[in-house]
Amino acid sequence: MKLKDLKAYKESNKNAQIDELKKEIDSYRPFGKQLLKGLHEFYRIGFTYTSNALEGNSLTESETKVVIEDGITIGGKSIREHNEVLGHNDAYNLLEELAKNDTITESNILELHRLFYFRIDEKKAGKYRKEQVYISGTDYLPPVYKDVPMQMKEFVSHISEWKKNLHPVTFAAQIHERIATIHPFIDGNGRTARLVMNLSLLQSGYPIIIIPPILRNDYISKIRLANKGELQPFFDFISNIEYESTKDYLRLLKYFNEK
């Protein structure tokens, strides 16, 4: 979508409050090594758990922690669920490295998907789909696979302009919406969209968005509207979740600084 069309949407209701919270967060900078380590571990586990849970992975947060940190398999859980945890963990580690950069490239998106997906299907990991896909629960039909590379290149070509002109939270929501709507991969599109959305937030100095699995139905319904071009509900949803995530981040900072 062109910038002038995005600017037609009203500023999401929580963005100003997020910016006020961010000012308080910034007052704690620079973060010490122990604080950075604690934040890394918290978000590595929490984001991996919630992002997988939104897609139906049944591993709990504590089980996710055991799989990542101890390399132990959980009885009664599928191999795929374990691989989703390990793959998302690898992608999150890359996300933190990419956050040191100023922009997001097409190769960044492909590599995040590859790391998440290669244990599930190595041949399709980090590669655009070669077949038509259908999204259950909606009549929205993603682009035909032959159009995916062109649409992804067009999407990436707008990133710098969007970043310069949109509020960082709106920019992050637009990043997510484009990946979810183009649906460039055979599988793992939602998790890739959330990874890249959070990459954009980290690059702008904002906390990672954690979408609680309990809000899955609301989240999915807003994405479905965005798929069809109705962006405001999705922008507002992401703004509300980032507001809550930023409050949680500030509480974590205060906790770690009081230890």
C-alpha atoms as a PDB file:
ATOM      1  CA  MET A   1       0.000   0.000   0.000  1.00  0.00           C
ATOM      2  CA  LYS A   2       1.264   3.476  -0.835  1.00  0.00           C
ATOM      3  CA  LEU A   3       2.295   5.801   1.983  1.00  0.00           C
ATOM      4  CA  LYS A   4      -0.426   8.364   1.234  1.00  0.00           C
ATOM      5  CA  ASP A   5      -3.055   5.635   1.629  1.00  0.00           C
ATOM      6  CA  LEU A   6      -1.588   4.481   4.951  1.00  0.00           C
ATOM      7  CA  LYS A   7      -1.568   8.060   6.235  1.00  0.00           C
ATOM      8  CA  ALA A   8      -5.313   8.183   5.671  1.00  0.00           C
ATOM      9  CA  TYR A   9      -5.732   5.887   8.684  1.00  0.00           C
ATOM     10  CA  LYS A  10      -6.026   7.602  12.038  1.00  0.00           C
ATOM     11  CA  GLU A  11      -3.237   7.281  14.577  1.00  0.00           C
ATOM     12  CA  SER A  12      -3.914   4.214  16.704  1.00  0.00           C
ATOM     13  CA  ASN A  13      -5.330   4.990  20.103  1.00  0.00           C
ATOM     14  CA  LYS A  14      -2.429   3.858  22.312  1.00  0.00           C
ATOM     15  CA  ASN A  15       0.596   5.074  20.349  1.00  0.00           C
ATOM     16  CA  ALA A  16       1.027   8.311  22.312  1.00  0.00           C
ATOM     17  CA  GLN A  17       0.855   6.431  25.617  1.00  0.00           C
ATOM     18  CA  ILE A  18       3.394   3.917  24.325  1.00  0.00           C
ATOM     19  CA  ASP A  19       5.747   6.785  23.540  1.00  0.00           C
ATOM     20  CA  GLU A  20       5.425   8.107  27.093  1.00  0.00           C
ATOM     21  CA  LEU A  21       6.268   4.689  28.506  1.00  0.00           C
ATOM     22  CA  LYS A  22       9.201   4.425  26.098  1.00  0.00           C
ATOM     23  CA  LYS A  23      10.644   7.666  27.481  1.00  0.00           C
ATOM     24  CA  GLU A  24      10.672   6.075  30.932  1.00  0.00           C
ATOM     25  CA  ILE A  25      12.279   2.934  29.523  1.00  0.00           C
ATOM     26  CA  ASP A  26      14.954   5.018  27.809  1.00  0.00           C
ATOM     27  CA  SER A  27      15.845   6.614  31.147  1.00  0.00           C
ATOM     28  CA  TYR A  28      17.253   3.208  32.195  1.00  0.00           C
ATOM     29  CA  ARG A  29      19.655   3.056  29.257  1.00  0.00           C
ATOM     30  CA  PRO A  30      22.356   1.945  28.782  1.00  0.00           C
ATOM     31  CA  PHE A  31      21.357  -1.501  30.034  1.00  0.00           C
ATOM     32  CA  GLY A  32      23.941  -3.551  31.908  1.00  0.00           C
ATOM     33  CA  LYS A  33      25.045  -7.024  30.825  1.00  0.00           C
ATOM     34  CA  GLN A  34      23.000  -8.820  33.467  1.00  0.00           C
ATOM     35  CA  LEU A  35      19.888  -6.873  32.573  1.00  0.00           C
ATOM     36  CA  LEU A  36      20.354  -7.616  28.871  1.00  0.00           C
ATOM     37  CA  LYS A  37      20.830 -11.288  29.654  1.00  0.00           C
ATOM     38  CA  GLY A  38      17.676 -11.384  31.757  1.00  0.00           C
ATOM     39  CA  LEU A  39      15.615  -9.634  29.077  1.00  0.00           C
ATOM     40  CA  HIS A  40      16.999 -11.945  26.405  1.00  0.00           C
ATOM     41  CA  GLU A  41      16.006 -15.066  28.320  1.00  0.00           C
ATOM     42  CA  PHE A  42      12.578 -13.729  29.227  1.00  0.00           C
ATOM     43  CA  TYR A  43      11.641 -12.806  25.660  1.00  0.00           C
ATOM     44  CA  ARG A  44      13.354 -15.782  24.022  1.00  0.00           C
ATOM     45  CA  ILE A  45      11.121 -18.129  26.001  1.00  0.00           C
ATOM     46  CA  GLY A  46       7.986 -15.983  26.216  1.00  0.00           C
ATOM     47  CA  PHE A  47       7.869 -14.944  22.574  1.00  0.00           C
ATOM     48  CA  THR A  48       8.669 -18.467  21.357  1.00  0.00           C
ATOM     49  CA  TYR A  49       5.921 -19.941  23.526  1.00  0.00           C
ATOM     50  CA  THR A  50       3.198 -17.437  22.622  1.00  0.00           C
ATOM     51  CA  SER A  51       3.952 -17.267  18.905  1.00  0.00           C
ATOM     52  CA  ASN A  52       3.847 -21.053  18.613  1.00  0.00           C
ATOM     53  CA  ALA A  53       0.764 -21.327  20.829  1.00  0.00           C
ATOM     54  CA  LEU A  54      -1.111 -18.931  18.532  1.00  0.00           C
ATOM     55  CA  GLU A  55      -0.601 -21.498  15.763  1.00  0.00           C
ATOM     56  CA  GLY A  56      -1.816 -24.463  17.820  1.00  0.00           C
ATOM     57  CA  ASN A  57       1.416 -25.717  19.404  1.00  0.00           C
ATOM     58  CA  SER A  58       0.415 -27.388  22.681  1.00  0.00           C
ATOM     59  CA  LEU A  59       3.709 -27.053  24.560  1.00  0.00           C
ATOM     60  CA  THR A  60       3.293 -24.900  27.666  1.00  0.00           C
ATOM     61  CA  GLU A  61       5.629 -22.037  28.523  1.00  0.00           C
ATOM     62  CA  SER A  62       7.467 -24.147  31.108  1.00  0.00           C
ATOM     63  CA  GLU A  63       7.750 -27.027  28.625  1.00  0.00           C
ATOM     64  CA  THR A  64       9.054 -24.615  25.995  1.00  0.00           C
ATOM     65  CA  LYS A  65      11.723 -23.497  28.463  1.00  0.00           C
ATOM     66  CA  VAL A  66      12.777 -27.106  29.147  1.00  0.00           C
ATOM     67  CA  VAL A  67      13.035 -27.922  25.428  1.00  0.00           C
ATOM     68  CA  ILE A  68      15.173 -24.834  24.714  1.00  0.00           C
ATOM     69  CA  GLU A  69      17.386 -24.764  27.781  1.00  0.00           C
ATOM     70  CA  ASP A  70      17.727 -28.462  28.652  1.00  0.00           C
ATOM     71  CA  GLY A  71      17.218 -30.147  25.301  1.00  0.00           C
ATOM     72  CA  ILE A  72      14.683 -32.509  26.843  1.00  0.00           C
ATOM     73  CA  THR A  73      11.717 -33.841  24.897  1.00  0.00           C
ATOM     74  CA  ILE A  74       8.278 -33.684  26.468  1.00  0.00           C
ATOM     75  CA  GLY A  75       6.284 -36.915  26.615  1.00  0.00           C
ATOM     76  CA  GLY A  76       3.091 -36.940  24.584  1.00  0.00           C
ATOM     77  CA  LYS A  77       4.123 -33.991  22.421  1.00  0.00           C
ATOM     78  CA  SER A  78       4.851 -34.322  18.702  1.00  0.00           C
ATOM     79  CA  ILE A  79       8.262 -34.049  17.078  1.00  0.00           C
ATOM     80  CA  ARG A  80       6.941 -31.161  15.004  1.00  0.00           C
ATOM     81  CA  GLU A  81       5.984 -29.202  18.123  1.00  0.00           C
ATOM     82  CA  HIS A  82       9.495 -29.649  19.490  1.00  0.00           C
ATOM     83  CA  ASN A  83      10.977 -28.568  16.159  1.00  0.00           C
ATOM     84  CA  GLU A  84       8.775 -25.475  16.108  1.00  0.00           C
ATOM     85  CA  VAL A  85      10.178 -24.488  19.503  1.00  0.00           C
ATOM     86  CA  LEU A  86      13.806 -25.088  18.492  1.00  0.00           C
ATOM     87  CA  GLY A  87      13.332 -23.334  15.151  1.00  0.00           C
ATOM     88  CA  HIS A  88      11.647 -20.296  16.653  1.00  0.00           C
ATOM     89  CA  ASN A  89      14.398 -20.077  19.247  1.00  0.00           C
ATOM     90  CA  ASP A  90      17.025 -20.002  16.475  1.00  0.00           C
ATOM     91  CA  ALA A  91      15.056 -17.349  14.578  1.00  0.00           C
ATOM     92  CA  TYR A  92      14.723 -15.242  17.724  1.00  0.00           C
ATOM     93  CA  ASN A  93      18.474 -15.311  18.262  1.00  0.00           C
ATOM     94  CA  LEU A  94      18.961 -14.036  14.706  1.00  0.00           C
ATOM     95  CA  LEU A  95      16.270 -11.406  15.275  1.00  0.00           C
ATOM     96  CA  GLU A  96      18.339  -9.910  18.110  1.00  0.00           C
ATOM     97  CA  GLU A  97      21.372  -9.723  15.831  1.00  0.00           C
ATOM     98  CA  LEU A  98      19.395  -8.128  12.997  1.00  0.00           C
ATOM     99  CA  ALA A  99      17.984  -5.572  15.438  1.00  0.00           C
ATOM    100  CA  LYS A 100      21.414  -3.893  15.371  1.00  0.00           C
ATOM    101  CA  ASN A 101      20.764  -2.908  11.739  1.00  0.00           C
ATOM    102  CA  ASP A 102      18.698   0.036  10.518  1.00  0.00           C
ATOM    103  CA  THR A 103      16.427  -1.662   8.032  1.00  0.00           C
ATOM    104  CA  ILE A 104      14.865  -4.959   6.994  1.00  0.00           C
ATOM    105  CA  THR A 105      15.823  -6.715   3.776  1.00  0.00           C
ATOM    106  CA  GLU A 106      14.184  -9.474   1.791  1.00  0.00           C
ATOM    107  CA  SER A 107      17.067 -11.778   2.706  1.00  0.00           C
ATOM    108  CA  ASN A 108      16.411 -11.059   6.410  1.00  0.00           C
ATOM    109  CA  ILE A 109      12.815 -12.246   6.021  1.00  0.00           C
ATOM    110  CA  LEU A 110      13.854 -15.362   4.131  1.00  0.00           C
ATOM    111  CA  GLU A 111      16.517 -16.239   6.688  1.00  0.00           C
ATOM    112  CA  LEU A 112      14.153 -15.827   9.636  1.00  0.00           C
ATOM    113  CA  HIS A 113      11.736 -18.231   7.959  1.00  0.00           C
ATOM    114  CA  ARG A 114      14.553 -20.646   7.096  1.00  0.00           C
ATOM    115  CA  LEU A 115      15.759 -20.853  10.684  1.00  0.00           C
ATOM    116  CA  PHE A 116      12.255 -21.387  11.995  1.00  0.00           C
ATOM    117  CA  TYR A 117      11.260 -23.981   9.383  1.00  0.00           C
ATOM    118  CA  PHE A 118      14.302 -26.020   8.334  1.00  0.00           C
ATOM    119  CA  ARG A 119      13.768 -28.769  10.929  1.00  0.00           C
ATOM    120  CA  ILE A 120      10.209 -29.166   9.643  1.00  0.00           C
ATOM    121  CA  ASP A 121      10.890 -29.124   5.891  1.00  0.00           C
ATOM    122  CA  GLU A 122      14.444 -28.243   4.888  1.00  0.00           C
ATOM    123  CA  LYS A 123      13.621 -28.013   1.175  1.00  0.00           C
ATOM    124  CA  LYS A 124      10.930 -25.378   1.681  1.00  0.00           C
ATOM    125  CA  ALA A 125      12.589 -23.433   4.489  1.00  0.00           C
ATOM    126  CA  GLY A 126      13.461 -19.868   3.512  1.00  0.00           C
ATOM    127  CA  LYS A 127      11.895 -20.270   0.078  1.00  0.00           C
ATOM    128  CA  TYR A 128       8.723 -18.807  -1.365  1.00  0.00           C
ATOM    129  CA  ARG A 129       5.878 -21.227  -1.936  1.00  0.00           C
ATOM    130  CA  LYS A 130       5.435 -22.967  -5.281  1.00  0.00           C
ATOM    131  CA  GLU A 131       1.750 -23.733  -4.952  1.00  0.00           C
ATOM    132  CA  GLN A 132      -1.542 -22.105  -4.085  1.00  0.00           C
ATOM    133  CA  VAL A 133      -2.422 -21.999  -0.395  1.00  0.00           C
ATOM    134  CA  TYR A 134      -5.769 -21.606   1.341  1.00  0.00           C
ATOM    135  CA  ILE A 135      -6.383 -20.034   4.747  1.00  0.00           C
ATOM    136  CA  SER A 136      -8.953 -21.848   6.833  1.00  0.00           C
ATOM    137  CA  GLY A 137     -11.785 -19.838   8.332  1.00  0.00           C
ATOM    138  CA  THR A 138     -11.819 -17.128   5.669  1.00  0.00           C
ATOM    139  CA  ASP A 139     -12.776 -16.600   2.061  1.00  0.00           C
ATOM    140  CA  TYR A 140      -9.612 -14.557   1.491  1.00  0.00           C
ATOM    141  CA  LEU A 141      -7.444 -16.137  -1.185  1.00  0.00           C
ATOM    142  CA  PRO A 142      -3.704 -15.259  -1.060  1.00  0.00           C
ATOM    143  CA  PRO A 143      -1.902 -14.315  -4.275  1.00  0.00           C
ATOM    144  CA  VAL A 144      -1.040 -17.072  -6.727  1.00  0.00           C
ATOM    145  CA  TYR A 145       2.458 -18.380  -6.070  1.00  0.00           C
ATOM    146  CA  LYS A 146       3.886 -16.942  -9.304  1.00  0.00           C
ATOM    147  CA  ASP A 147       3.115 -13.427  -8.022  1.00  0.00           C
ATOM    148  CA  VAL A 148       4.703 -13.895  -4.593  1.00  0.00           C
ATOM    149  CA  PRO A 149       8.328 -12.921  -5.464  1.00  0.00           C
ATOM    150  CA  MET A 150       7.169  -9.746  -7.206  1.00  0.00           C
ATOM    151  CA  GLN A 151       4.816  -8.783  -4.359  1.00  0.00           C
ATOM    152  CA  MET A 152       7.512  -9.406  -1.749  1.00  0.00           C
ATOM    153  CA  LYS A 153       9.989  -7.249  -3.646  1.00  0.00           C
ATOM    154  CA  GLU A 154       7.395  -4.477  -3.914  1.00  0.00           C
ATOM    155  CA  PHE A 155       6.643  -4.797  -0.192  1.00  0.00           C
ATOM    156  CA  VAL A 156      10.319  -4.589   0.777  1.00  0.00           C
ATOM    157  CA  SER A 157      10.805  -1.570  -1.516  1.00  0.00           C
ATOM    158  CA  HIS A 158       8.363   0.418   0.679  1.00  0.00           C
ATOM    159  CA  ILE A 159       9.975  -0.442   4.022  1.00  0.00           C
ATOM    160  CA  SER A 160      12.373   2.518   4.268  1.00  0.00           C
ATOM    161  CA  GLU A 161       9.667   5.025   3.306  1.00  0.00           C
ATOM    162  CA  TRP A 162       7.169   3.540   5.779  1.00  0.00           C
ATOM    163  CA  LYS A 163       9.734   3.529   8.560  1.00  0.00           C
ATOM    164  CA  LYS A 164      10.559   7.189   7.945  1.00  0.00           C
ATOM    165  CA  ASN A 165       6.963   8.411   7.836  1.00  0.00           C
ATOM    166  CA  LEU A 166       4.861   6.146  10.058  1.00  0.00           C
ATOM    167  CA  HIS A 167       4.764   5.774  13.815  1.00  0.00           C
ATOM    168  CA  PRO A 168       6.972   2.761  14.704  1.00  0.00           C
ATOM    169  CA  VAL A 169       4.003   0.776  16.019  1.00  0.00           C
ATOM    170  CA  THR A 170       1.927   1.465  12.893  1.00  0.00           C
ATOM    171  CA  PHE A 171       4.967   0.597  10.801  1.00  0.00           C
ATOM    172  CA  ALA A 172       5.339  -2.705  12.677  1.00  0.00           C
ATOM    173  CA  ALA A 173       1.658  -3.521  12.162  1.00  0.00           C
ATOM    174  CA  GLN A 174       1.961  -2.765   8.441  1.00  0.00           C
ATOM    175  CA  ILE A 175       4.994  -5.074   8.183  1.00  0.00           C
ATOM    176  CA  HIS A 176       2.979  -7.869   9.806  1.00  0.00           C
ATOM    177  CA  GLU A 177      -0.072  -7.229   7.630  1.00  0.00           C
ATOM    178  CA  ARG A 178       1.887  -7.365   4.379  1.00  0.00           C
ATOM    179  CA  ILE A 179       3.558 -10.691   5.175  1.00  0.00           C
ATOM    180  CA  ALA A 180       0.316 -12.214   6.441  1.00  0.00           C
ATOM    181  CA  THR A 181      -1.612 -11.009   3.378  1.00  0.00           C
ATOM    182  CA  ILE A 182       0.950 -12.021   0.752  1.00  0.00           C
ATOM    183  CA  HIS A 183       1.377 -15.331   2.625  1.00  0.00           C
ATOM    184  CA  PRO A 184       4.696 -15.980   0.874  1.00  0.00           C
ATOM    185  CA  PHE A 185       5.559 -19.345   2.457  1.00  0.00           C
ATOM    186  CA  ILE A 186       3.925 -22.745   2.371  1.00  0.00           C
ATOM    187  CA  ASP A 187       3.729 -22.630   6.183  1.00  0.00           C
ATOM    188  CA  GLY A 188       5.027 -20.488   9.048  1.00  0.00           C
ATOM    189  CA  ASN A 189       3.670 -17.193   7.694  1.00  0.00           C
ATOM    190  CA  GLY A 190       2.182 -16.043  11.002  1.00  0.00           C
ATOM    191  CA  ARG A 191       5.331 -16.734  12.970  1.00  0.00           C
ATOM    192  CA  THR A 192       7.476 -15.068  10.320  1.00  0.00           C
ATOM    193  CA  ALA A 193       5.169 -12.031  10.301  1.00  0.00           C
ATOM    194  CA  ARG A 194       5.467 -11.710  14.089  1.00  0.00           C
ATOM    195  CA  LEU A 195       9.250 -12.128  13.972  1.00  0.00           C
ATOM    196  CA  VAL A 196       9.663  -9.409  11.347  1.00  0.00           C
ATOM    197  CA  MET A 197       7.134  -7.136  13.088  1.00  0.00           C
ATOM    198  CA  ASN A 198       9.148  -7.420  16.292  1.00  0.00           C
ATOM    199  CA  LEU A 199      12.392  -6.901  14.431  1.00  0.00           C
ATOM    200  CA  SER A 200      11.067  -3.551  13.227  1.00  0.00           C
ATOM    201  CA  LEU A 201      10.094  -2.591  16.776  1.00  0.00           C
ATOM    202  CA  LEU A 202      13.484  -3.510  18.226  1.00  0.00           C
ATOM    203  CA  GLN A 203      15.244  -1.533  15.496  1.00  0.00           C
ATOM    204  CA  SER A 204      13.210   1.512  16.552  1.00  0.00           C
ATOM    205  CA  GLY A 205      13.911   0.972  20.259  1.00  0.00           C
ATOM    206  CA  TYR A 206      10.442  -0.344  21.168  1.00  0.00           C
ATOM    207  CA  PRO A 207       9.706  -3.522  23.151  1.00  0.00           C
ATOM    208  CA  ILE A 208       8.702  -6.795  21.544  1.00  0.00           C
ATOM    209  CA  ILE A 209       4.979  -7.448  21.175  1.00  0.00           C
ATOM    210  CA  ILE A 210       3.786 -10.536  23.018  1.00  0.00           C
ATOM    211  CA  ILE A 211       0.296 -11.589  21.879  1.00  0.00           C
ATOM    212  CA  PRO A 212      -1.318 -13.750  24.593  1.00  0.00           C
ATOM    213  CA  PRO A 213      -2.793 -16.981  23.188  1.00  0.00           C
ATOM    214  CA  ILE A 214      -6.068 -16.138  24.955  1.00  0.00           C
ATOM    215  CA  LEU A 215      -6.480 -13.311  22.416  1.00  0.00           C
ATOM    216  CA  ARG A 216      -5.996 -15.627  19.439  1.00  0.00           C
ATOM    217  CA  ASN A 217      -9.550 -15.312  18.099  1.00  0.00           C
ATOM    218  CA  ASP A 218      -9.492 -11.519  18.309  1.00  0.00           C
ATOM    219  CA  TYR A 219      -6.059 -11.426  16.693  1.00  0.00           C
ATOM    220  CA  ILE A 220      -7.092 -13.733  13.844  1.00  0.00           C
ATOM    221  CA  SER A 221     -10.297 -11.801  13.182  1.00  0.00           C
ATOM    222  CA  LYS A 222      -8.357  -8.538  12.868  1.00  0.00           C
ATOM    223  CA  ILE A 223      -5.854 -10.139  10.494  1.00  0.00           C
ATOM    224  CA  ARG A 224      -8.702 -11.418   8.330  1.00  0.00           C
ATOM    225  CA  LEU A 225     -10.076  -7.884   8.046  1.00  0.00           C
ATOM    226  CA  ALA A 226      -6.608  -6.580   7.176  1.00  0.00           C
ATOM    227  CA  ASN A 227      -6.221  -9.260   4.486  1.00  0.00           C
ATOM    228  CA  LYS A 228      -9.177  -7.639   2.747  1.00  0.00           C
ATOM    229  CA  GLY A 229      -7.861  -4.086   3.125  1.00  0.00           C
ATOM    230  CA  GLU A 230      -9.585  -3.007   6.359  1.00  0.00           C
ATOM    231  CA  LEU A 231      -6.465  -2.061   8.291  1.00  0.00           C
ATOM    232  CA  GLN A 232      -7.687   0.158  11.146  1.00  0.00           C
ATOM    233  CA  PRO A 233      -8.904  -2.655  13.461  1.00  0.00           C
ATOM    234  CA  PHE A 234      -5.584  -4.468  13.067  1.00  0.00           C
ATOM    235  CA  PHE A 235      -3.535  -1.298  13.627  1.00  0.00           C
ATOM    236  CA  ASP A 236      -5.531  -0.604  16.792  1.00  0.00           C
ATOM    237  CA  PHE A 237      -5.172  -4.190  18.004  1.00  0.00           C
ATOM    238  CA  ILE A 238      -1.390  -4.129  17.598  1.00  0.00           C
ATOM    239  CA  SER A 239      -1.223  -0.724  19.291  1.00  0.00           C
ATOM    240  CA  ASN A 240      -3.209  -2.018  22.271  1.00  0.00           C
ATOM    241  CA  ILE A 241      -1.025  -5.118  22.600  1.00  0.00           C
ATOM    242  CA  GLU A 242       2.181  -3.092  22.291  1.00  0.00           C
ATOM    243  CA  TYR A 243       0.897  -0.789  25.043  1.00  0.00           C
ATOM    244  CA  GLU A 244       0.435  -3.768  27.366  1.00  0.00           C
ATOM    245  CA  SER A 245       3.776  -5.257  26.289  1.00  0.00           C
ATOM    246  CA  THR A 246       5.535  -1.951  26.964  1.00  0.00           C
ATOM    247  CA  LYS A 247       4.035  -1.773  30.452  1.00  0.00           C
ATOM    248  CA  ASP A 248       5.282  -5.317  31.092  1.00  0.00           C
ATOM    249  CA  TYR A 249       8.731  -4.395  29.775  1.00  0.00           C
ATOM    250  CA  LEU A 250       8.920  -1.435  32.149  1.00  0.00           C
ATOM    251  CA  ARG A 251       7.939  -3.643  35.079  1.00  0.00           C
ATOM    252  CA  LEU A 252      10.724  -6.037  34.116  1.00  0.00           C
ATOM    253  CA  LEU A 253      13.245  -3.202  34.020  1.00  0.00           C
ATOM    254  CA  LYS A 254      12.225  -2.081  37.482  1.00  0.00           C
ATOM    255  CA  TYR A 255      12.392  -5.654  38.779  1.00  0.00           C
ATOM    256  CA  PHE A 256      15.857  -6.329  37.405  1.00  0.00           C
ATOM    257  CA  ASN A 257      17.149  -2.973  38.645  1.00  0.00           C
ATOM    258  CA  GLU A 258      15.884  -3.657  42.160  1.00  0.00           C
ATOM    259  CA  LYS A 259      17.644  -7.035  42.409  1.00  0.00           C
END
